[in-house]
Protein backbone atom coordinates (compact mmCIF):
# COMPACT_ATOMS: atom_id res chain seq x y z
CA MET A 1 0.07 0.02 0.03
CA ARG A 2 1.42 3.48 -0.97
CA PRO A 3 2.22 5.56 2.12
CA GLU A 4 -0.13 8.53 3.04
CA PRO A 5 1.14 11.62 0.77
CA GLY A 6 2.96 14.18 2.77
CA THR A 7 2.85 17.87 2.82
CA HIS A 8 3.87 19.12 -0.32
CA ALA A 9 2.91 16.21 -2.41
CA LEU A 10 0.87 16.79 -5.56
CA LEU A 11 -2.63 14.98 -6.21
CA ARG A 12 -4.33 14.34 -9.54
CA ILE A 13 -8.14 14.26 -8.87
CA THR A 14 -11.03 13.46 -11.45
CA ALA A 15 -13.19 16.67 -11.07
CA PRO A 16 -13.46 19.85 -8.44
CA GLY A 17 -16.73 17.72 -7.13
CA VAL A 18 -14.60 15.33 -5.15
CA LEU A 19 -13.01 17.91 -2.84
CA GLN A 20 -14.83 18.17 0.56
CA CYS A 21 -15.20 21.83 1.55
CA ASP A 22 -15.88 23.66 4.96
CA THR A 23 -17.30 26.46 2.63
CA HIS A 24 -18.53 26.82 -0.87
CA LEU A 25 -15.68 26.23 -3.75
CA PRO A 26 -15.02 29.42 -5.30
CA GLU A 27 -15.62 29.86 -8.90
CA TRP A 28 -12.10 30.59 -9.45
CA ALA A 29 -10.89 27.37 -7.92
CA ALA A 30 -13.33 25.09 -9.79
CA HIS A 31 -12.44 26.60 -13.18
CA ASP A 32 -8.31 26.21 -12.28
CA LEU A 33 -9.06 22.58 -10.97
CA ARG A 34 -10.72 22.06 -14.31
CA ARG A 35 -7.80 23.25 -16.24
CA ALA A 36 -5.18 21.58 -14.15
CA PRO A 37 -6.87 18.78 -11.70
CA TRP A 38 -4.00 19.12 -9.10
CA VAL A 39 -4.20 19.91 -5.56
CA VAL A 40 -1.27 20.07 -2.87
CA VAL A 41 -1.26 18.38 0.31
CA ARG A 42 -1.36 21.11 3.33
CA ARG A 43 0.62 20.83 6.47
CA ALA A 44 -2.39 19.90 8.44
CA SER A 45 -3.35 16.76 10.53
CA VAL A 46 -5.75 14.33 8.66
CA ARG A 47 -9.24 14.83 9.78
CA ASP A 48 -11.80 11.75 9.78
CA GLY A 49 -9.53 9.82 7.25
CA LEU A 50 -9.51 12.94 4.80
CA ILE A 51 -6.15 14.47 3.42
CA PRO A 52 -5.83 18.09 3.95
CA VAL A 53 -5.44 19.95 0.38
CA GLY A 54 -5.13 23.05 -1.11
CA VAL A 55 -6.02 24.65 -4.22
CA ARG A 56 -3.90 27.17 -5.96
CA GLY A 57 -4.98 29.98 -8.18
CA ALA A 58 -3.22 32.23 -10.44
CA ALA A 59 -2.78 34.85 -7.87
CA ARG A 60 -0.52 34.27 -4.47
CA ALA A 61 -3.76 35.25 -2.71
CA MET A 62 -5.77 32.78 -4.21
CA ARG A 63 -5.56 29.64 -2.14
CA PHE A 64 -8.35 27.23 -1.14
CA ALA A 65 -8.29 24.77 1.91
CA ALA A 66 -10.35 21.77 1.39
CA TRP A 67 -10.13 17.73 2.19
CA LEU A 68 -9.83 15.05 -0.09
CA ALA A 69 -10.72 11.19 0.49
CA PRO A 70 -7.63 8.58 -0.30
CA GLY A 71 -10.07 6.94 -2.35
CA ASP A 72 -10.57 10.02 -4.95
CA VAL A 73 -6.32 10.34 -5.70
CA ARG A 74 -5.85 9.33 -9.39
CA GLU A 75 -2.26 10.07 -9.05
CA ALA A 76 0.35 11.50 -6.45
CA LEU A 77 3.96 13.04 -7.08
CA ASN A 78 5.89 14.20 -4.06
CA PRO A 79 8.66 16.50 -4.65
CA LEU A 80 11.63 13.98 -4.56
CA GLU A 81 9.67 12.02 -7.29
CA LEU A 82 9.60 15.29 -9.36
CA ALA A 83 13.23 15.66 -8.99
CA ALA A 84 13.99 12.40 -9.72
CA ARG A 85 12.01 12.46 -13.06
CA ARG A 86 14.20 15.61 -14.26
CA LEU A 87 11.30 17.30 -16.18
CA TRP A 88 12.95 20.75 -16.20
CA ARG A 89 15.31 19.32 -18.54
CA ALA A 90 14.56 21.05 -22.09
CA HIS A 91 11.74 22.86 -20.38
CA PRO A 92 10.21 24.61 -23.29
CA ARG A 93 9.86 27.62 -20.59
CA ALA A 94 13.06 27.57 -19.08
CA ALA A 95 14.59 30.47 -21.18
CA GLN A 96 11.43 32.52 -19.74
CA VAL A 97 11.30 31.36 -16.08
CA PRO A 98 14.49 31.48 -14.28
CA ALA A 99 13.34 29.08 -11.82
CA LEU A 100 13.10 26.50 -14.05
CA ALA A 101 16.31 27.13 -15.46
CA ALA A 102 18.01 27.13 -12.07
CA LEU A 103 16.97 23.30 -11.32
CA GLY A 104 19.83 21.88 -13.38
CA LYS A 105 22.41 23.64 -11.09
CA VAL A 106 20.32 22.82 -8.09
CA GLU A 107 20.81 19.28 -9.03
CA GLU A 108 24.37 19.61 -9.61
CA CYS A 109 24.87 21.39 -6.12
CA MET A 110 22.75 18.41 -4.30
CA GLN A 111 24.80 15.55 -5.95
CA ARG A 112 28.09 17.34 -4.78
CA LEU A 113 26.93 17.77 -1.37
CA GLY A 114 25.63 14.31 -0.96
CA LEU A 115 21.96 15.21 -1.23
CA GLY A 116 21.16 14.10 -4.31
CA CYS A 117 18.24 12.05 -3.43
CA SER A 118 16.90 14.12 -0.57
CA TRP A 119 15.63 17.45 -2.64
CA GLY A 120 12.73 18.33 -4.83
CA PRO A 121 11.02 21.08 -6.23
CA THR A 122 7.65 22.73 -4.30
CA GLY A 123 5.53 25.63 -5.01
CA SER A 124 4.58 26.75 -8.66
CA VAL A 125 7.61 25.18 -10.31
CA GLY A 126 6.75 21.89 -8.50
CA PHE A 127 3.29 22.48 -9.76
CA GLU A 128 4.04 23.13 -13.21
CA LEU A 129 6.66 20.02 -13.60
CA ALA A 130 3.65 17.68 -12.14
CA SER A 131 0.56 19.29 -14.08
CA GLY A 132 2.22 20.53 -17.28
CA CYS A 133 0.44 23.36 -16.87
CA PRO A 134 2.14 27.17 -17.03
CA THR A 135 1.89 28.07 -13.65
CA ALA A 136 5.78 29.79 -12.58
CA THR A 137 6.50 33.03 -13.96
CA PRO A 138 9.48 34.88 -14.73
CA LEU A 139 9.54 36.47 -10.94
CA SER A 140 8.77 33.34 -9.33
CA ASP A 141 10.77 32.07 -6.32
CA LEU A 142 12.26 28.53 -6.82
CA ASP A 143 10.64 26.86 -3.66
CA LEU A 144 12.53 23.64 -2.66
CA MET A 145 12.42 21.02 0.32
CA VAL A 146 15.17 18.85 1.79
CA GLN A 147 14.17 15.62 3.31
CA ALA A 148 16.42 15.82 6.50
CA ASP A 149 15.19 12.78 8.52
CA ALA A 150 18.54 13.55 10.82
CA PRO A 151 20.25 16.88 11.58
CA LEU A 152 21.91 18.57 8.81
CA ALA A 153 25.41 19.46 9.64
CA GLY A 154 25.89 23.48 10.18
CA GLU A 155 28.75 23.41 7.36
CA ALA A 156 26.68 21.69 4.95
CA ALA A 157 23.61 23.88 5.57
CA ALA A 158 25.61 26.61 4.88
CA ALA A 159 27.40 25.35 2.04
CA VAL A 160 23.69 24.33 0.21
CA LEU A 161 22.90 28.02 1.14
CA ASN A 162 25.86 29.64 -0.20
CA GLU A 163 25.53 28.07 -3.57
CA PHE A 164 22.09 29.10 -3.96
CA MET A 165 22.87 32.48 -3.77
CA SER A 166 24.38 32.65 -7.01
CA LEU A 167 21.53 31.18 -8.75
CA PRO A 168 19.43 32.98 -11.44
CA ALA A 169 16.14 32.79 -9.05
CA THR A 170 15.62 33.54 -5.57
CA VAL A 171 15.68 30.09 -3.81
CA ASP A 172 13.83 29.33 -0.44
CA VAL A 173 14.32 26.18 1.31
CA LEU A 174 12.43 24.24 3.74
CA LEU A 175 14.03 21.40 5.84
CA GLU A 176 11.81 18.77 6.45
CA THR A 177 12.56 17.14 9.88
CA PRO A 178 10.40 14.19 11.16
CA TYR A 179 8.51 17.04 13.58
CA GLY A 180 8.14 19.53 10.97
CA ALA A 181 9.80 21.93 8.69
CA VAL A 182 12.42 24.98 9.11
CA SER A 183 13.53 27.70 6.87
CA LEU A 184 17.38 26.59 5.71
CA ALA A 185 18.28 30.27 5.97
CA GLU A 186 17.03 30.79 9.40
CA TYR A 187 18.49 27.34 10.44
CA VAL A 188 22.01 28.63 9.45
CA SER A 189 21.99 32.40 10.51
CA ALA A 190 18.92 32.97 13.36
CA PRO A 191 19.63 32.69 16.81
CA ARG A 192 17.72 29.51 18.49
CA PRO A 193 14.90 29.07 18.93
CA ILE A 194 13.80 29.02 15.41
CA LEU A 195 10.50 28.66 13.90
CA LEU A 196 9.28 25.02 12.99
CA ARG A 197 6.28 24.54 11.34
CA THR A 198 4.24 21.49 12.22
CA ALA A 199 0.96 19.92 11.17
CA THR A 200 -0.63 21.93 14.38
CA GLY A 201 0.85 25.26 13.74
CA VAL A 202 4.24 27.12 14.16
CA ARG A 203 5.97 26.86 17.13
CA LEU A 204 9.70 27.78 18.21
CA ALA A 205 12.41 24.85 18.66
CA THR A 206 15.76 24.98 19.87
CA ASP A 207 16.51 21.56 18.25
CA PRO A 208 13.96 20.80 15.25
CA TRP A 209 14.90 16.99 15.30
CA ALA A 210 14.11 16.39 18.76
CA PRO A 211 10.82 14.75 19.46
CA GLU A 212 10.03 17.47 22.19
CA ALA A 213 9.64 20.09 19.20
CA ALA A 214 6.30 18.90 17.98
CA ALA A 215 5.51 18.60 21.56
CA ALA A 216 6.51 21.79 22.83
């Protein structure tokens, strides 16, 4: 049995009507889902067996939270799988979207630092690679996640951050620990404690890899 999709996973659905919503589904959301029937798993707890998902709109402010039954998932792609597929190679929009063009350099960097199988794109770039629908813009940031099941050494984290400073797009990286996510930039430079994003909200953590971090 395939494991439950985690935060950032992109899920293909059959139709907008399979979403279970706390409020009325906005017309823009229904329209966008007919064009690209993909939703993203939100960082929230499962509710009554339903997966917490979000609908992306064309503008940053256009986001809609909903719930999805596992049986209504037709395809699931997580960021690590998107990276493994390397769909950015010869991408027809790479010349217009720096965030897409930067993925080749990101892959080289991650391979060099021993993180080649631990990263993947999220945000608008990840959505475009999964759905095939133009989503990223020339001004889009490149959102990435790094699966960090064990603490990342400070030198390695700083090396990743320094490498990304020279890329043609602004890169925003989340380190996904077993207990939540922290910003790579904050992990490298911010004083402790730092913000830890969990399924039940944001909290401060001195050690994002400590079990008590999620329970604080």
